[in-house]
C-alpha atoms as a PDB file:
ATOM      1  CA  MET A   1      -0.010  -0.351   0.269  1.00  0.00           C
ATOM      2  CA  LEU A   2       2.743   2.299   0.636  1.00  0.00           C
ATOM      3  CA  ILE A   3       4.665   1.989  -2.027  1.00  0.00           C
ATOM      4  CA  GLY A   4       1.555   1.864  -4.414  1.00  0.00           C
ATOM      5  CA  GLU A   5       0.715   4.899  -3.150  1.00  0.00           C
ATOM      6  CA  ALA A   6       4.049   6.756  -3.698  1.00  0.00           C
ATOM      7  CA  LEU A   7       4.121   5.719  -6.561  1.00  0.00           C
ATOM      8  CA  SER A   8       0.666   6.592  -8.042  1.00  0.00           C
ATOM      9  CA  VAL A   9       1.664  10.179  -6.553  1.00  0.00           C
ATOM     10  CA  GLY A  10       5.076   9.823  -9.082  1.00  0.00           C
ATOM     11  CA  VAL A  11       3.748   9.046 -11.671  1.00  0.00           C
ATOM     12  CA  ALA A  12       0.056  11.087 -11.673  1.00  0.00           C
ATOM     13  CA  ALA A  13       2.959  13.757 -11.087  1.00  0.00           C
ATOM     14  CA  GLU A  14       4.884  12.496 -14.729  1.00  0.00           C
ATOM     15  CA  LEU A  15       1.733  12.775 -16.384  1.00  0.00           C
ATOM     16  CA  GLY A  16       0.985  16.316 -15.228  1.00  0.00           C
ATOM     17  CA  SER A  17      -2.780  16.868 -14.859  1.00  0.00           C
ATOM     18  CA  ALA A  18      -3.864  13.898 -13.128  1.00  0.00           C
ATOM     19  CA  LEU A  19      -6.509  12.743  -9.657  1.00  0.00           C
ATOM     20  CA  VAL A  20      -5.246  10.071  -7.878  1.00  0.00           C
ATOM     21  CA  ALA A  21      -8.010   8.679  -5.858  1.00  0.00           C
ATOM     22  CA  SER A  22      -8.350   6.843  -2.741  1.00  0.00           C
ATOM     23  CA  THR A  23      -6.338   3.428  -2.328  1.00  0.00           C
ATOM     24  CA  ILE A  24      -7.968   0.903  -2.052  1.00  0.00           C
ATOM     25  CA  ARG A  25      -6.304  -1.480   1.042  1.00  0.00           C
ATOM     26  CA  PRO A  26      -7.935  -4.582   1.156  1.00  0.00           C
ATOM     27  CA  GLY A  27      -7.047  -6.576  -1.473  1.00  0.00           C
ATOM     28  CA  CYS A  28      -6.870  -9.775  -3.275  1.00  0.00           C
ATOM     29  CA  SER A  29      -4.511 -12.573  -0.339  1.00  0.00           C
ATOM     30  CA  ASN A  30      -6.324 -15.641   0.576  1.00  0.00           C
ATOM     31  CA  HIS A  31      -2.294 -16.703  -0.485  1.00  0.00           C
ATOM     32  CA  HIS A  32      -0.933 -15.139   2.563  1.00  0.00           C
ATOM     33  CA  LEU A  33      -3.527 -15.629   5.446  1.00  0.00           C
ATOM     34  CA  SER A  34      -1.369 -17.742   6.812  1.00  0.00           C
ATOM     35  CA  PHE A  35       0.333 -14.836   8.021  1.00  0.00           C
ATOM     36  CA  ALA A  36      -1.766 -13.560  11.770  1.00  0.00           C
ATOM     37  CA  GLY A  37      -3.304 -10.468  10.799  1.00  0.00           C
ATOM     38  CA  SER A  38      -3.842 -10.725   7.201  1.00  0.00           C
ATOM     39  CA  LEU A  39      -7.038  -9.970   6.273  1.00  0.00           C
ATOM     40  CA  SER A  40      -8.212 -10.741   2.561  1.00  0.00           C
ATOM     41  CA  ILE A  41     -11.355 -10.272  -0.138  1.00  0.00           C
ATOM     42  CA  SER A  42     -12.402 -11.820  -2.985  1.00  0.00           C
ATOM     43  CA  GLN A  43     -11.756 -11.291  -6.273  1.00  0.00           C
ATOM     44  CA  LYS A  44     -15.372 -10.701  -7.312  1.00  0.00           C
ATOM     45  CA  LEU A  45     -15.698  -8.227  -4.126  1.00  0.00           C
ATOM     46  CA  LEU A  46     -12.591  -5.923  -5.290  1.00  0.00           C
ATOM     47  CA  GLU A  47     -14.016  -6.107  -9.304  1.00  0.00           C
ATOM     48  CA  GLY A  48     -17.179  -4.765  -7.368  1.00  0.00           C
ATOM     49  CA  ILE A  49     -15.070  -2.164  -5.304  1.00  0.00           C
ATOM     50  CA  ILE A  50     -12.918  -1.146  -8.302  1.00  0.00           C
ATOM     51  CA  GLU A  51     -16.147  -0.889 -11.037  1.00  0.00           C
ATOM     52  CA  ALA A  52     -18.155   1.378  -8.007  1.00  0.00           C
ATOM     53  CA  TYR A  53     -14.491   4.282  -7.643  1.00  0.00           C
ATOM     54  CA  CYS A  54     -14.398   4.119 -11.846  1.00  0.00           C
ATOM     55  CA  ASP A  55     -17.873   4.563 -12.049  1.00  0.00           C
ATOM     56  CA  ASN A  56     -18.224   7.132  -9.828  1.00  0.00           C
ATOM     57  CA  LEU A  57     -15.009   8.856 -11.604  1.00  0.00           C
ATOM     58  CA  LYS A  58     -16.785   8.691 -14.656  1.00  0.00           C
ATOM     59  CA  ASN A  59     -19.663  10.032 -13.580  1.00  0.00           C
ATOM     60  CA  TYR A  60     -17.903  13.147 -12.231  1.00  0.00           C
ATOM     61  CA  GLY A  61     -16.307  13.382 -15.525  1.00  0.00           C
ATOM     62  CA  PHE A  62     -12.948  11.914 -15.683  1.00  0.00           C
ATOM     63  CA  ARG A  63     -12.257  10.732 -19.526  1.00  0.00           C
ATOM     64  CA  ASN A  64      -8.917   8.318 -18.751  1.00  0.00           C
ATOM     65  CA  ILE A  65      -8.994   6.283 -16.041  1.00  0.00           C
ATOM     66  CA  VAL A  66      -5.653   4.649 -15.311  1.00  0.00           C
ATOM     67  CA  LEU A  67      -6.152   0.910 -12.207  1.00  0.00           C
ATOM     68  CA  LEU A  68      -2.572   0.267 -10.870  1.00  0.00           C
ATOM     69  CA  PRO A  69      -2.328  -2.742  -8.374  1.00  0.00           C
ATOM     70  CA  SER A  70       0.941  -2.918  -6.363  1.00  0.00           C
ATOM     71  CA  HIS A  71      -0.336  -6.270  -4.762  1.00  0.00           C
ATOM     72  CA  GLY A  72       0.695  -9.270  -6.385  1.00  0.00           C
ATOM     73  CA  GLY A  73      -2.959 -11.222  -5.494  1.00  0.00           C
ATOM     74  CA  ASN A  74      -4.504  -8.067  -7.288  1.00  0.00           C
ATOM     75  CA  PHE A  75      -3.125  -8.006 -10.745  1.00  0.00           C
ATOM     76  CA  ASP A  76      -5.601 -11.005 -12.669  1.00  0.00           C
ATOM     77  CA  CYS A  77      -8.210  -9.271 -10.508  1.00  0.00           C
ATOM     78  CA  VAL A  78      -7.564  -5.885 -11.956  1.00  0.00           C
ATOM     79  CA  ALA A  79      -6.961  -7.322 -15.432  1.00  0.00           C
ATOM     80  CA  SER A  80     -10.359  -8.289 -15.710  1.00  0.00           C
ATOM     81  CA  ILE A  81     -12.467  -5.617 -14.816  1.00  0.00           C
ATOM     82  CA  GLY A  82     -10.029  -3.576 -16.320  1.00  0.00           C
ATOM     83  CA  GLU A  83     -11.289  -5.569 -19.689  1.00  0.00           C
ATOM     84  CA  LYS A  84     -14.480  -5.635 -18.471  1.00  0.00           C
ATOM     85  CA  LEU A  85     -14.444  -1.448 -17.733  1.00  0.00           C
ATOM     86  CA  LYS A  86     -12.773  -0.757 -20.891  1.00  0.00           C
ATOM     87  CA  THR A  87     -15.250  -1.818 -23.369  1.00  0.00           C
ATOM     88  CA  ALA A  88     -18.350  -0.684 -21.328  1.00  0.00           C
ATOM     89  CA  TYR A  89     -17.181   2.790 -21.354  1.00  0.00           C
ATOM     90  CA  LYS A  90     -15.816   2.597 -24.534  1.00  0.00           C
ATOM     91  CA  ALA A  91     -19.011   4.097 -26.115  1.00  0.00           C
ATOM     92  CA  GLU A  92     -19.259   6.739 -23.920  1.00  0.00           C
ATOM     93  CA  GLY A  93     -15.634   8.161 -24.671  1.00  0.00           C
ATOM     94  CA  VAL A  94     -13.941   6.825 -21.421  1.00  0.00           C
ATOM     95  CA  ASN A  95     -10.668   4.949 -21.155  1.00  0.00           C
ATOM     96  CA  VAL A  96      -9.562   2.916 -18.380  1.00  0.00           C
ATOM     97  CA  ILE A  97      -6.253   1.088 -18.438  1.00  0.00           C
ATOM     98  CA  ALA A  98      -5.428  -1.699 -16.757  1.00  0.00           C
ATOM     99  CA  LEU A  99      -1.768  -1.729 -15.971  1.00  0.00           C
ATOM    100  CA  ALA A 100      -1.699  -5.554 -14.979  1.00  0.00           C
ATOM    101  CA  ASP A 101       1.683  -6.580 -15.866  1.00  0.00           C
ATOM    102  CA  ARG A 102       2.898  -8.413 -12.947  1.00  0.00           C
ATOM    103  CA  ASP A 103       5.980  -9.388 -14.513  1.00  0.00           C
ATOM    104  CA  GLY A 104       6.811  -6.026 -16.149  1.00  0.00           C
ATOM    105  CA  TYR A 105       6.039  -4.451 -12.105  1.00  0.00           C
ATOM    106  CA  ILE A 106       8.424  -6.632 -10.884  1.00  0.00           C
ATOM    107  CA  ASN A 107      10.601  -6.592 -13.257  1.00  0.00           C
ATOM    108  CA  ALA A 108      10.905  -2.234 -13.432  1.00  0.00           C
ATOM    109  CA  PHE A 109      10.939  -2.215  -9.384  1.00  0.00           C
ATOM    110  CA  ALA A 110      14.260  -4.442  -9.419  1.00  0.00           C
ATOM    111  CA  GLU A 111      15.981  -3.370 -12.424  1.00  0.00           C
ATOM    112  CA  PRO A 112      17.824  -1.304 -10.695  1.00  0.00           C
ATOM    113  CA  LEU A 113      19.133  -3.346  -8.403  1.00  0.00           C
ATOM    114  CA  TYR A 114      20.217  -6.013 -10.448  1.00  0.00           C
ATOM    115  CA  SER A 115      22.490  -3.335 -11.259  1.00  0.00           C
ATOM    116  CA  CYS A 116      23.595  -2.917  -7.765  1.00  0.00           C
ATOM    117  CA  ARG A 117      24.798  -6.818  -8.783  1.00  0.00           C
ATOM    118  CA  PHE A 118      21.674  -7.814  -6.511  1.00  0.00           C
ATOM    119  CA  SER A 119      20.181 -10.934  -7.263  1.00  0.00           C
ATOM    120  CA  PHE A 120      17.200 -11.796  -7.801  1.00  0.00           C
ATOM    121  CA  ASP A 121      16.588 -13.875  -4.457  1.00  0.00           C
ATOM    122  CA  GLN A 122      17.839 -10.474  -2.611  1.00  0.00           C
ATOM    123  CA  VAL A 123      15.501  -8.328  -4.366  1.00  0.00           C
ATOM    124  CA  GLY A 124      12.868 -10.697  -3.330  1.00  0.00           C
ATOM    125  CA  VAL A 125       9.360  -9.916  -3.884  1.00  0.00           C
ATOM    126  CA  HIS A 126       8.278  -9.267   0.195  1.00  0.00           C
ATOM    127  CA  ALA A 127      10.252  -7.405   3.090  1.00  0.00           C
ATOM    128  CA  GLY A 128      13.337  -8.355   0.679  1.00  0.00           C
ATOM    129  CA  ALA A 129      16.489  -5.498  -0.728  1.00  0.00           C
ATOM    130  CA  GLY A 130      13.609  -4.070  -2.826  1.00  0.00           C
ATOM    131  CA  GLU A 131      10.504  -3.715  -0.553  1.00  0.00           C
ATOM    132  CA  THR A 132      12.876  -2.199   2.427  1.00  0.00           C
ATOM    133  CA  ALA A 133      14.852   0.199   0.828  1.00  0.00           C
ATOM    134  CA  LEU A 134      11.588   2.017  -0.856  1.00  0.00           C
ATOM    135  CA  VAL A 135      10.192   2.003   2.786  1.00  0.00           C
ATOM    136  CA  MET A 136      13.291   3.076   3.906  1.00  0.00           C
ATOM    137  CA  ALA A 137      12.965   6.431   1.678  1.00  0.00           C
ATOM    138  CA  LEU A 138       9.438   6.650   2.275  1.00  0.00           C
ATOM    139  CA  ARG A 139       9.439   5.638   5.794  1.00  0.00           C
ATOM    140  CA  PRO A 140      12.625   4.675   7.781  1.00  0.00           C
ATOM    141  CA  GLU A 141      10.762   4.377  11.368  1.00  0.00           C
ATOM    142  CA  LEU A 142       9.132   1.695  10.557  1.00  0.00           C
ATOM    143  CA  VAL A 143      11.903  -0.156   9.370  1.00  0.00           C
ATOM    144  CA  ARG A 144      14.080  -2.488  11.577  1.00  0.00           C
ATOM    145  CA  GLU A 145      17.171  -1.890  11.014  1.00  0.00           C
ATOM    146  CA  ASP A 146      18.572  -4.011  14.162  1.00  0.00           C
ATOM    147  CA  LYS A 147      16.702  -7.006  12.433  1.00  0.00           C
ATOM    148  CA  PHE A 148      19.779  -7.038   9.131  1.00  0.00           C
ATOM    149  CA  ASP A 149      21.540  -9.594   8.583  1.00  0.00           C
ATOM    150  CA  GLU A 150      24.666  -8.997   7.190  1.00  0.00           C
ATOM    151  CA  GLY A 151      24.288  -8.164   3.250  1.00  0.00           C
ATOM    152  CA  PHE A 152      25.070  -6.014   0.718  1.00  0.00           C
ATOM    153  CA  VAL A 153      26.691  -3.080   1.843  1.00  0.00           C
ATOM    154  CA  GLY A 154      27.095  -0.824  -1.253  1.00  0.00           C
ATOM    155  CA  LYS A 155      25.092   2.376  -2.148  1.00  0.00           C
ATOM    156  CA  ILE A 156      21.572   2.112  -3.144  1.00  0.00           C
ATOM    157  CA  ASP A 157      19.784   5.253  -4.804  1.00  0.00           C
ATOM    158  CA  ILE A 158      16.187   4.924  -4.106  1.00  0.00           C
ATOM    159  CA  ALA A 159      15.195   8.179  -5.624  1.00  0.00           C
ATOM    160  CA  LYS A 160      16.933   6.452  -8.722  1.00  0.00           C
ATOM    161  CA  LEU A 161      15.360   3.580  -8.263  1.00  0.00           C
ATOM    162  CA  LEU A 162      11.690   5.031  -7.461  1.00  0.00           C
ATOM    163  CA  PHE A 163      12.099   7.421 -10.627  1.00  0.00           C
ATOM    164  CA  ARG A 164      12.646   4.012 -12.927  1.00  0.00           C
ATOM    165  CA  LEU A 165       9.493   2.779 -11.359  1.00  0.00           C
ATOM    166  CA  ARG A 166       7.860   5.293 -11.549  1.00  0.00           C
ATOM    167  CA  HIS A 167       9.278   6.539 -15.781  1.00  0.00           C
ATOM    168  CA  ARG A 168       8.349   2.433 -17.091  1.00  0.00           C
ATOM    169  CA  ILE A 169       5.291   2.449 -15.263  1.00  0.00           C
ATOM    170  CA  SER A 170       4.132   5.825 -17.299  1.00  0.00           C
ATOM    171  CA  GLU A 171       5.335   4.331 -20.511  1.00  0.00           C
ATOM    172  CA  LEU A 172       3.072   2.450 -20.245  1.00  0.00           C
ATOM    173  CA  ILE A 173       0.098   4.666 -20.006  1.00  0.00           C
ATOM    174  CA  VAL A 174      -0.836   5.895 -23.649  1.00  0.00           C
ATOM    175  CA  PHE A 175      -4.542   7.972 -23.631  1.00  0.00           C
END
């Protein structure tokens, strides 16, 4: 959520005149339910929430709507509802873009870290070098450095990491 919100704000800034709508916080996270405190909603419910958001935006006069998931469990859902809404809204002159390429997102996220000689396993998806570096840049008080294992000792350019991820995603948005 934190990284997704920062990414959305950055993409909106790159696009220019854009609004970042409220983040939909619960997601399709059944694969995380073995971790205490995890919450999950069904794909059908998430699709309904996304559709309600988009209906409101359309009715307020927005003509371009970009759906940007940042949680792995939501990509398939966003792809599905994005296609449905793109078709449904086309006649009304509303363009829906669902950026639901999970592998492309992960690669854009990891690429700058590979240039620092991190392996795919070190970059990780959850709490790996990539996510940890971004959270340290955005909300350092949330990272428990006292729990770090010794590992990479070089410098990571977090601003470059965020910029490249934001720019890569912005390139995919064509109205």
